[in-house]
Amino acid sequence: MGETLTYVPHKAIKSQALADFVVEWTDTQLPPAQVQVELWTLYFDGSLMKTGARAGLLFISPLGVRIRYVIQIHFAASNNVVEYKALVTGLRIAIELGVRRLDVRGDSQLVIDQVMKASSYHDPKMEAYYKEVRKLKDNLHGVELIHVARRYNEAVDELAKIASTRGVVPPDAFSRDPLEPCIHLPGHGG
């Protein structure tokens, strides 16, 4: 009748062929990776100088668009209050922008620790700001606060310096000029 086929088993399979098979098979078995299209990043910084209280905000959209804010503070405040003011203002702007998920980065270890660890407060203003941040966080679907070294916060520090000198706000930045604290303490002016 013709030719006959004979089966001869191979004793070894080349490792590359096996690896290629595993990769191809794994790719078809796993769901596609979820892209974090709605995750925004907010950098905030605030400080008190002889020239006045100032703060800067930098939002980075999921597509990499940068939105900058210069905040000139026109009321007496401590350095920690200015940091909180920057954070609260940033959270309020995020809500105005319709942001749902937000990574917040700042170089104030005290503010980050107080908000994330619910530290004890010796100052009623710090507690009031903490409560305001927690309330604003509840309006977003996901907020994570991350402490960053000062050198990674230079972009917003530069914005804050512009605010402290009462200098000209760059044309690609927005300006906010709060005349009073963003919290109210019962029995106090703010």
Protein backbone atom coordinates (compact mmCIF):
# COMPACT_ATOMS: atom_id res chain seq x y z
CA MET A 1 0.00 0.00 0.00
CA GLY A 2 2.43 2.81 0.28
CA GLU A 3 4.26 4.51 2.98
CA THR A 4 3.78 3.78 6.64
CA LEU A 5 4.18 6.34 9.34
CA THR A 6 6.27 5.53 12.30
CA TYR A 7 6.09 7.48 15.59
CA VAL A 8 9.39 8.12 17.34
CA PRO A 9 9.06 9.97 20.71
CA HIS A 10 11.46 12.85 21.34
CA LYS A 11 13.35 12.56 24.58
CA ALA A 12 13.57 16.33 25.17
CA ILE A 13 11.60 19.42 24.25
CA LYS A 14 13.55 22.55 23.55
CA SER A 15 13.11 24.92 26.50
CA GLN A 16 12.46 27.94 24.28
CA ALA A 17 9.51 26.22 22.57
CA LEU A 18 8.03 25.38 25.96
CA ALA A 19 8.57 28.94 27.23
CA ASP A 20 6.91 30.39 24.11
CA PHE A 21 3.92 28.08 24.57
CA VAL A 22 3.53 29.09 28.24
CA VAL A 23 3.66 32.81 27.37
CA GLU A 24 1.09 32.45 24.58
CA TRP A 25 -1.20 30.32 26.68
CA THR A 26 -0.92 32.61 29.74
CA ASP A 27 -1.75 35.70 27.66
CA THR A 28 -4.98 34.13 26.48
CA GLN A 29 -5.97 33.01 29.99
CA LEU A 30 -5.51 36.32 31.85
CA PRO A 31 -7.96 39.22 31.63
CA PRO A 32 -6.54 42.38 30.06
CA ALA A 33 -4.77 44.71 32.48
CA GLN A 34 -6.93 47.53 33.81
CA VAL A 35 -5.62 50.96 32.89
CA GLN A 36 -5.95 53.53 35.66
CA VAL A 37 -7.51 56.14 33.39
CA GLU A 38 -9.10 58.14 36.16
CA LEU A 39 -6.16 58.39 38.59
CA TRP A 40 -4.97 61.97 39.09
CA THR A 41 -1.94 63.08 41.08
CA LEU A 42 -1.84 66.18 43.29
CA TYR A 43 1.38 67.67 44.67
CA PHE A 44 0.91 70.28 47.39
CA ASP A 45 3.25 72.52 49.33
CA GLY A 46 2.80 75.42 51.67
CA SER A 47 5.03 77.36 54.00
CA LEU A 48 5.28 80.49 56.02
CA MET A 49 7.97 83.04 55.19
CA LYS A 50 8.72 86.61 56.21
CA THR A 51 7.07 87.70 52.96
CA GLY A 52 3.86 85.87 53.84
CA ALA A 53 2.03 82.58 53.76
CA ARG A 54 2.00 80.81 50.44
CA ALA A 55 1.13 77.53 48.80
CA GLY A 56 1.38 75.79 45.47
CA LEU A 57 -0.58 72.97 43.87
CA LEU A 58 0.20 70.83 40.86
CA PHE A 59 -2.41 68.48 39.42
CA ILE A 60 -1.39 65.88 36.87
CA SER A 61 -4.27 64.36 34.93
CA PRO A 62 -4.34 60.71 33.84
CA LEU A 63 -3.22 61.89 30.38
CA GLY A 64 -0.30 63.90 31.80
CA VAL A 65 -1.88 67.36 31.57
CA ARG A 66 -0.49 69.65 34.27
CA ILE A 67 -2.69 72.18 36.06
CA ARG A 68 -0.86 74.59 38.36
CA TYR A 69 -2.19 76.80 41.16
CA VAL A 70 -0.57 79.62 43.07
CA ILE A 71 -2.21 80.33 46.44
CA GLN A 72 -1.56 83.61 48.23
CA ILE A 73 -2.85 83.39 51.79
CA HIS A 74 -4.07 86.66 53.29
CA PHE A 75 -4.59 85.66 56.92
CA ALA A 76 -2.31 84.88 59.84
CA ALA A 77 -1.38 81.21 59.91
CA SER A 78 1.28 78.84 61.19
CA ASN A 79 3.39 76.78 58.79
CA ASN A 80 1.28 73.68 59.53
CA VAL A 81 -1.97 75.56 58.90
CA VAL A 82 -0.56 76.73 55.55
CA GLU A 83 0.27 73.10 54.62
CA TYR A 84 -3.25 72.03 55.59
CA LYS A 85 -4.70 74.99 53.67
CA ALA A 86 -2.84 73.82 50.56
CA LEU A 87 -4.12 70.26 51.00
CA VAL A 88 -7.73 71.34 51.65
CA THR A 89 -7.68 73.70 48.67
CA GLY A 90 -6.26 70.94 46.49
CA LEU A 91 -8.97 68.49 47.56
CA ARG A 92 -11.69 71.08 46.93
CA ILE A 93 -10.33 71.80 43.45
CA ALA A 94 -10.16 68.06 42.72
CA ILE A 95 -13.84 67.76 43.62
CA GLU A 96 -14.64 70.79 41.40
CA LEU A 97 -12.77 69.12 38.53
CA GLY A 98 -14.78 65.92 38.97
CA VAL A 99 -11.74 63.84 39.97
CA ARG A 100 -12.69 60.45 41.34
CA ARG A 101 -9.34 58.90 42.31
CA LEU A 102 -6.41 60.94 43.59
CA ASP A 103 -2.86 60.30 44.73
CA VAL A 104 -1.85 63.22 46.97
CA ARG A 105 1.83 63.89 47.53
CA GLY A 106 3.31 66.40 49.90
CA ASP A 107 6.49 66.99 51.85
CA SER A 108 4.78 67.78 55.18
CA GLN A 109 5.37 64.67 57.26
CA LEU A 110 3.16 66.08 60.05
CA VAL A 111 0.12 66.66 57.83
CA ILE A 112 0.45 63.33 56.03
CA ASP A 113 0.89 61.46 59.32
CA GLN A 114 -2.03 63.23 60.98
CA VAL A 115 -4.40 62.53 58.11
CA MET A 116 -3.31 58.93 57.49
CA LYS A 117 -2.82 57.81 61.08
CA ALA A 118 -5.44 59.95 62.78
CA SER A 119 -2.84 61.24 65.22
CA SER A 120 -3.81 63.07 68.35
CA TYR A 121 -4.07 66.84 68.16
CA HIS A 122 -3.00 69.36 70.73
CA ASP A 123 -4.22 72.30 68.68
CA PRO A 124 -7.95 72.70 67.89
CA LYS A 125 -7.06 74.22 64.49
CA MET A 126 -5.09 71.12 63.50
CA GLU A 127 -8.00 68.91 64.52
CA ALA A 128 -10.46 71.07 62.58
CA TYR A 129 -8.28 70.92 59.45
CA TYR A 130 -7.89 67.16 59.87
CA LYS A 131 -11.69 66.78 60.04
CA GLU A 132 -12.11 68.95 56.94
CA VAL A 133 -9.62 66.81 54.99
CA ARG A 134 -11.42 63.62 56.08
CA LYS A 135 -14.77 65.11 55.02
CA LEU A 136 -13.39 66.10 51.60
CA LYS A 137 -11.78 62.68 51.12
CA ASP A 138 -15.24 61.14 51.55
CA ASN A 139 -16.37 63.06 48.42
CA LEU A 140 -13.80 61.23 46.31
CA HIS A 141 -13.82 57.52 45.48
CA GLY A 142 -10.19 56.94 46.35
CA VAL A 143 -7.54 59.14 47.92
CA GLU A 144 -4.09 58.11 48.99
CA LEU A 145 -1.71 60.49 50.74
CA ILE A 146 1.98 59.88 50.23
CA HIS A 147 4.87 61.67 51.88
CA VAL A 148 7.59 62.69 49.43
CA ALA A 149 11.02 64.16 50.05
CA ARG A 150 11.25 67.92 49.58
CA ARG A 151 13.40 67.48 46.46
CA TYR A 152 10.47 65.70 44.74
CA ASN A 153 8.16 68.58 45.58
CA GLU A 154 10.21 71.33 43.92
CA ALA A 155 7.65 72.12 41.20
CA VAL A 156 5.01 73.17 43.73
CA ASP A 157 7.61 74.80 45.96
CA GLU A 158 8.43 77.06 43.01
CA LEU A 159 4.75 77.98 42.67
CA ALA A 160 4.60 78.71 46.38
CA LYS A 161 7.63 81.02 46.07
CA ILE A 162 5.80 82.99 43.39
CA ALA A 163 2.88 83.35 45.78
CA SER A 164 5.07 84.44 48.70
CA THR A 165 6.59 87.29 46.71
CA ARG A 166 3.13 88.33 45.52
CA GLY A 167 4.73 88.10 42.08
CA VAL A 168 3.08 87.82 38.73
CA VAL A 169 1.22 84.54 38.35
CA PRO A 170 2.47 82.69 35.26
CA PRO A 171 -0.05 82.64 32.40
CA ASP A 172 -0.28 78.83 32.59
CA ALA A 173 -1.21 78.84 36.29
CA PHE A 174 -4.39 79.61 38.19
CA SER A 175 -4.46 81.76 41.30
CA ARG A 176 -6.46 81.53 44.50
CA ASP A 177 -6.34 84.21 47.17
CA PRO A 178 -8.14 83.04 50.33
CA LEU A 179 -8.86 85.89 52.69
CA GLU A 180 -9.77 83.66 55.62
CA PRO A 181 -9.21 80.10 56.84
CA CYS A 182 -11.22 77.35 55.17
CA ILE A 183 -12.40 75.99 58.50
CA HIS A 184 -14.48 77.49 61.26
CA LEU A 185 -13.87 76.83 64.92
CA PRO A 186 -16.85 77.29 67.24
CA GLY A 187 -16.22 80.35 69.40
CA HIS A 188 -13.18 81.40 67.29
CA GLY A 189 -12.68 83.56 64.27
CA GLY A 190 -11.17 80.64 62.31
